[in-house]
Amino acid sequence: MKVKVQTIDGKTGSDIDLNDDVFGVDPRADILHRVVSWQLEKRRGPARAARERSDVARTGKKFGRQKGGGTARHGDRKAPIFIGGGKAHGPRARTFGHSLNKKIRALGLKMALSDKAKGGKIVVLDTLELKDAKTKALARQARQARAWQPRALHRRRCGP
């Protein structure tokens, strides 16, 4: 597969041959789904457990008398109703990562790169030499050239 090499100013230069072992693979939805799911689950952090009734370090002695106290019946002070007691139905400690074979990971990356190459969404630049090595300068120069959309240079929005 041939791709045009462009300059930072947006002018086209020579052609470059992309390796068909990487950029010529037919994409399969099942493998791409497995790789993307693996990446998203790998990115999640583990849940932190809350201390429940059995985890709180308090005495197990019965609080108050069963009858004749004039108040409600209670067992011990570990109950969620008391200050310092355990959390009722709190989060459990668990991990969200699962494994995926290295060959499947590599195959998923090859399929994604192949799909981008077939759609003409891969841009090859001859050089990235700038007077001052700043992202702002690179983004300005790419905007002026309008030859390719610098998606990697856009600031990611966080929140609504």
C-alpha atoms as a PDB file:
ATOM      1  CA  MET A   1       0.000   0.000   0.000  1.00  0.00           C
ATOM      2  CA  LYS A   2       1.370   3.385  -0.996  1.00  0.00           C
ATOM      3  CA  VAL A   3       0.924   6.567   1.031  1.00  0.00           C
ATOM      4  CA  LYS A   4       1.980  10.093   0.106  1.00  0.00           C
ATOM      5  CA  VAL A   5       4.658  11.673   2.273  1.00  0.00           C
ATOM      6  CA  GLN A   6       3.728  15.230   3.195  1.00  0.00           C
ATOM      7  CA  THR A   7       5.672  18.140   4.521  1.00  0.00           C
ATOM      8  CA  ILE A   8       4.587  20.076   7.589  1.00  0.00           C
ATOM      9  CA  ASP A   9       3.386  22.836   5.235  1.00  0.00           C
ATOM     10  CA  GLY A  10       0.911  20.492   3.540  1.00  0.00           C
ATOM     11  CA  LYS A  11       2.805  19.961   0.286  1.00  0.00           C
ATOM     12  CA  THR A  12       2.922  16.416  -1.026  1.00  0.00           C
ATOM     13  CA  GLY A  13       6.234  14.775  -1.617  1.00  0.00           C
ATOM     14  CA  SER A  14       7.195  11.282  -2.595  1.00  0.00           C
ATOM     15  CA  ASP A  15       5.362   8.016  -1.977  1.00  0.00           C
ATOM     16  CA  ILE A  16       6.222   5.497   0.686  1.00  0.00           C
ATOM     17  CA  ASP A  17       5.408   1.796   0.723  1.00  0.00           C
ATOM     18  CA  LEU A  18       3.675   0.543   3.863  1.00  0.00           C
ATOM     19  CA  ASN A  19       4.348  -3.015   4.937  1.00  0.00           C
ATOM     20  CA  ASP A  20       1.444  -5.283   3.995  1.00  0.00           C
ATOM     21  CA  ASP A  21       2.076  -7.455   7.056  1.00  0.00           C
ATOM     22  CA  VAL A  22       0.988  -4.525   9.216  1.00  0.00           C
ATOM     23  CA  PHE A  23      -1.168  -2.330   6.967  1.00  0.00           C
ATOM     24  CA  GLY A  24      -2.752  -4.986   4.752  1.00  0.00           C
ATOM     25  CA  VAL A  25      -4.678  -7.036   7.322  1.00  0.00           C
ATOM     26  CA  ASP A  26      -8.442  -7.384   6.927  1.00  0.00           C
ATOM     27  CA  PRO A  27     -10.157  -6.129  10.094  1.00  0.00           C
ATOM     28  CA  ARG A  28     -12.331  -8.491  12.127  1.00  0.00           C
ATOM     29  CA  ALA A  29     -14.894  -6.999  14.470  1.00  0.00           C
ATOM     30  CA  ASP A  30     -14.564  -9.736  17.087  1.00  0.00           C
ATOM     31  CA  ILE A  31     -10.819  -9.251  17.557  1.00  0.00           C
ATOM     32  CA  LEU A  32     -11.104  -5.452  17.574  1.00  0.00           C
ATOM     33  CA  HIS A  33     -13.866  -5.748  20.174  1.00  0.00           C
ATOM     34  CA  ARG A  34     -11.724  -7.978  22.377  1.00  0.00           C
ATOM     35  CA  VAL A  35      -8.732  -5.626  22.162  1.00  0.00           C
ATOM     36  CA  VAL A  36     -10.752  -2.461  22.836  1.00  0.00           C
ATOM     37  CA  SER A  37     -12.586  -4.106  25.752  1.00  0.00           C
ATOM     38  CA  TRP A  38      -9.238  -5.265  27.166  1.00  0.00           C
ATOM     39  CA  GLN A  39      -7.801  -1.748  26.884  1.00  0.00           C
ATOM     40  CA  LEU A  40     -10.786  -0.123  28.563  1.00  0.00           C
ATOM     41  CA  GLU A  41     -10.902  -2.648  31.394  1.00  0.00           C
ATOM     42  CA  LYS A  42      -7.135  -2.432  31.887  1.00  0.00           C
ATOM     43  CA  ARG A  43      -7.482   1.336  32.264  1.00  0.00           C
ATOM     44  CA  ARG A  44      -9.920   1.078  35.175  1.00  0.00           C
ATOM     45  CA  GLY A  45      -8.586   1.290  38.676  1.00  0.00           C
ATOM     46  CA  PRO A  46      -9.414  -1.286  41.313  1.00  0.00           C
ATOM     47  CA  ALA A  47     -12.356  -0.602  43.593  1.00  0.00           C
ATOM     48  CA  ARG A  48     -11.523   0.152  47.203  1.00  0.00           C
ATOM     49  CA  ALA A  49     -13.514  -1.795  49.748  1.00  0.00           C
ATOM     50  CA  ALA A  50     -15.453  -0.110  52.529  1.00  0.00           C
ATOM     51  CA  ARG A  51     -15.311  -1.564  56.016  1.00  0.00           C
ATOM     52  CA  GLU A  52     -18.472  -3.474  56.694  1.00  0.00           C
ATOM     53  CA  ARG A  53     -19.905  -4.723  59.945  1.00  0.00           C
ATOM     54  CA  SER A  54     -17.497  -7.628  60.249  1.00  0.00           C
ATOM     55  CA  ASP A  55     -14.453  -5.479  59.324  1.00  0.00           C
ATOM     56  CA  VAL A  56     -14.895  -2.724  61.940  1.00  0.00           C
ATOM     57  CA  ALA A  57     -12.670  -3.028  65.010  1.00  0.00           C
ATOM     58  CA  ARG A  58     -15.231  -2.738  67.780  1.00  0.00           C
ATOM     59  CA  THR A  59     -16.402  -5.035  70.523  1.00  0.00           C
ATOM     60  CA  GLY A  60     -18.973  -7.714  69.889  1.00  0.00           C
ATOM     61  CA  LYS A  61     -20.545  -7.275  73.310  1.00  0.00           C
ATOM     62  CA  LYS A  62     -24.251  -6.607  73.388  1.00  0.00           C
ATOM     63  CA  PHE A  63     -25.024  -2.917  73.811  1.00  0.00           C
ATOM     64  CA  GLY A  64     -27.557  -2.389  76.596  1.00  0.00           C
ATOM     65  CA  ARG A  65     -30.046  -4.830  77.944  1.00  0.00           C
ATOM     66  CA  GLN A  66     -32.576  -6.767  75.897  1.00  0.00           C
ATOM     67  CA  LYS A  67     -35.552  -5.662  78.005  1.00  0.00           C
ATOM     68  CA  GLY A  68     -36.252  -2.920  80.469  1.00  0.00           C
ATOM     69  CA  GLY A  69     -33.968  -0.223  79.045  1.00  0.00           C
ATOM     70  CA  GLY A  70     -36.743   1.786  77.439  1.00  0.00           C
ATOM     71  CA  THR A  71     -34.905   1.994  74.096  1.00  0.00           C
ATOM     72  CA  ALA A  72     -34.664  -0.155  71.005  1.00  0.00           C
ATOM     73  CA  ARG A  73     -33.026  -3.569  71.033  1.00  0.00           C
ATOM     74  CA  HIS A  74     -29.444  -3.611  69.731  1.00  0.00           C
ATOM     75  CA  GLY A  75     -26.709  -6.172  69.369  1.00  0.00           C
ATOM     76  CA  ASP A  76     -23.274  -4.601  69.185  1.00  0.00           C
ATOM     77  CA  ARG A  77     -21.909  -1.194  68.162  1.00  0.00           C
ATOM     78  CA  LYS A  78     -20.632  -2.494  64.821  1.00  0.00           C
ATOM     79  CA  ALA A  79     -24.113  -2.114  63.321  1.00  0.00           C
ATOM     80  CA  PRO A  80     -24.418   0.427  60.469  1.00  0.00           C
ATOM     81  CA  ILE A  81     -26.896   2.521  62.466  1.00  0.00           C
ATOM     82  CA  PHE A  82     -24.213   3.599  64.967  1.00  0.00           C
ATOM     83  CA  ILE A  83     -21.481   6.167  64.469  1.00  0.00           C
ATOM     84  CA  GLY A  84     -18.263   4.249  63.880  1.00  0.00           C
ATOM     85  CA  GLY A  85     -20.168   1.210  62.736  1.00  0.00           C
ATOM     86  CA  GLY A  86     -19.679  -0.605  59.469  1.00  0.00           C
ATOM     87  CA  LYS A  87     -21.074   0.412  56.110  1.00  0.00           C
ATOM     88  CA  ALA A  88     -24.148  -1.487  55.020  1.00  0.00           C
ATOM     89  CA  HIS A  89     -23.651  -3.102  51.598  1.00  0.00           C
ATOM     90  CA  GLY A  90     -20.489  -1.143  50.814  1.00  0.00           C
ATOM     91  CA  PRO A  91     -18.257  -1.622  47.782  1.00  0.00           C
ATOM     92  CA  ARG A  92     -16.206  -4.806  47.587  1.00  0.00           C
ATOM     93  CA  ALA A  93     -12.537  -4.909  46.646  1.00  0.00           C
ATOM     94  CA  ARG A  94     -12.214  -6.259  43.122  1.00  0.00           C
ATOM     95  CA  THR A  95     -10.045  -5.834  40.072  1.00  0.00           C
ATOM     96  CA  PHE A  96     -11.335  -5.228  36.572  1.00  0.00           C
ATOM     97  CA  GLY A  97      -8.368  -6.302  34.468  1.00  0.00           C
ATOM     98  CA  HIS A  98      -8.301  -9.445  32.438  1.00  0.00           C
ATOM     99  CA  SER A  99      -5.554 -10.899  30.304  1.00  0.00           C
ATOM    100  CA  LEU A 100      -5.336 -10.986  26.537  1.00  0.00           C
ATOM    101  CA  ASN A 101      -2.719 -12.857  24.553  1.00  0.00           C
ATOM    102  CA  LYS A 102       0.092 -10.745  23.106  1.00  0.00           C
ATOM    103  CA  LYS A 103      -0.541 -12.078  19.619  1.00  0.00           C
ATOM    104  CA  ILE A 104      -4.189 -11.009  19.798  1.00  0.00           C
ATOM    105  CA  ARG A 105      -3.149  -7.550  21.033  1.00  0.00           C
ATOM    106  CA  ALA A 106      -0.686  -7.176  18.163  1.00  0.00           C
ATOM    107  CA  LEU A 107      -3.245  -8.454  15.662  1.00  0.00           C
ATOM    108  CA  GLY A 108      -5.821  -5.944  16.919  1.00  0.00           C
ATOM    109  CA  LEU A 109      -3.326  -3.099  16.506  1.00  0.00           C
ATOM    110  CA  LYS A 110      -2.470  -4.255  12.991  1.00  0.00           C
ATOM    111  CA  MET A 111      -6.173  -4.424  12.105  1.00  0.00           C
ATOM    112  CA  ALA A 112      -6.798  -0.917  13.433  1.00  0.00           C
ATOM    113  CA  LEU A 113      -3.807   0.491  11.521  1.00  0.00           C
ATOM    114  CA  SER A 114      -4.921  -1.339   8.360  1.00  0.00           C
ATOM    115  CA  ASP A 115      -8.413   0.109   8.634  1.00  0.00           C
ATOM    116  CA  LYS A 116      -7.017   3.631   9.071  1.00  0.00           C
ATOM    117  CA  ALA A 117      -4.690   3.171   6.100  1.00  0.00           C
ATOM    118  CA  LYS A 118      -7.497   1.933   3.842  1.00  0.00           C
ATOM    119  CA  GLY A 119      -9.614   4.930   4.844  1.00  0.00           C
ATOM    120  CA  GLY A 120      -6.798   7.347   4.009  1.00  0.00           C
ATOM    121  CA  LYS A 121      -6.529   8.541   7.589  1.00  0.00           C
ATOM    122  CA  ILE A 122      -2.810   7.901   8.027  1.00  0.00           C
ATOM    123  CA  VAL A 123      -0.557  10.887   7.446  1.00  0.00           C
ATOM    124  CA  VAL A 124       3.176  10.453   6.988  1.00  0.00           C
ATOM    125  CA  LEU A 125       5.263  13.582   7.537  1.00  0.00           C
ATOM    126  CA  ASP A 126       8.776  13.863   6.190  1.00  0.00           C
ATOM    127  CA  THR A 127      10.075  15.819   9.172  1.00  0.00           C
ATOM    128  CA  LEU A 128       8.817  17.671  12.229  1.00  0.00           C
ATOM    129  CA  GLU A 129      11.529  20.291  12.411  1.00  0.00           C
ATOM    130  CA  LEU A 130      10.287  23.564  13.852  1.00  0.00           C
ATOM    131  CA  LYS A 131      12.059  26.720  14.930  1.00  0.00           C
ATOM    132  CA  ASP A 132      10.789  26.351  18.471  1.00  0.00           C
ATOM    133  CA  ALA A 133       9.709  22.920  19.608  1.00  0.00           C
ATOM    134  CA  LYS A 134       6.295  23.890  20.984  1.00  0.00           C
ATOM    135  CA  THR A 135       2.959  22.173  20.452  1.00  0.00           C
ATOM    136  CA  LYS A 136       1.292  25.545  19.890  1.00  0.00           C
ATOM    137  CA  ALA A 137       3.644  26.292  16.993  1.00  0.00           C
ATOM    138  CA  LEU A 138       3.064  22.869  15.447  1.00  0.00           C
ATOM    139  CA  ALA A 139      -0.719  23.233  15.755  1.00  0.00           C
ATOM    140  CA  ARG A 140      -0.622  26.707  14.199  1.00  0.00           C
ATOM    141  CA  GLN A 141       1.464  25.501  11.276  1.00  0.00           C
ATOM    142  CA  ALA A 142      -0.805  22.495  10.718  1.00  0.00           C
ATOM    143  CA  ARG A 143      -3.904  24.709  10.809  1.00  0.00           C
ATOM    144  CA  GLN A 144      -2.395  27.047   8.220  1.00  0.00           C
ATOM    145  CA  ALA A 145      -1.513  24.137   5.930  1.00  0.00           C
ATOM    146  CA  ARG A 146      -4.992  22.530   6.269  1.00  0.00           C
ATOM    147  CA  ALA A 147      -3.590  19.458   4.582  1.00  0.00           C
ATOM    148  CA  TRP A 148      -4.236  17.191   7.524  1.00  0.00           C
ATOM    149  CA  GLN A 149      -6.221  17.497  10.702  1.00  0.00           C
ATOM    150  CA  PRO A 150      -3.910  17.365  13.739  1.00  0.00           C
ATOM    151  CA  ARG A 151      -6.146  15.231  15.968  1.00  0.00           C
ATOM    152  CA  ALA A 152      -3.318  14.430  18.335  1.00  0.00           C
ATOM    153  CA  LEU A 153      -2.765  18.124  18.998  1.00  0.00           C
ATOM    154  CA  HIS A 154      -6.305  18.924  20.113  1.00  0.00           C
ATOM    155  CA  ARG A 155      -6.756  19.373  23.819  1.00  0.00           C
ATOM    156  CA  ARG A 156      -8.954  16.706  25.346  1.00  0.00           C
ATOM    157  CA  ARG A 157     -12.008  18.083  27.125  1.00  0.00           C
ATOM    158  CA  CYS A 158     -12.679  16.838  30.623  1.00  0.00           C
ATOM    159  CA  GLY A 159     -16.144  17.013  32.110  1.00  0.00           C
ATOM    160  CA  PRO A 160     -19.366  18.332  30.589  1.00  0.00           C
END
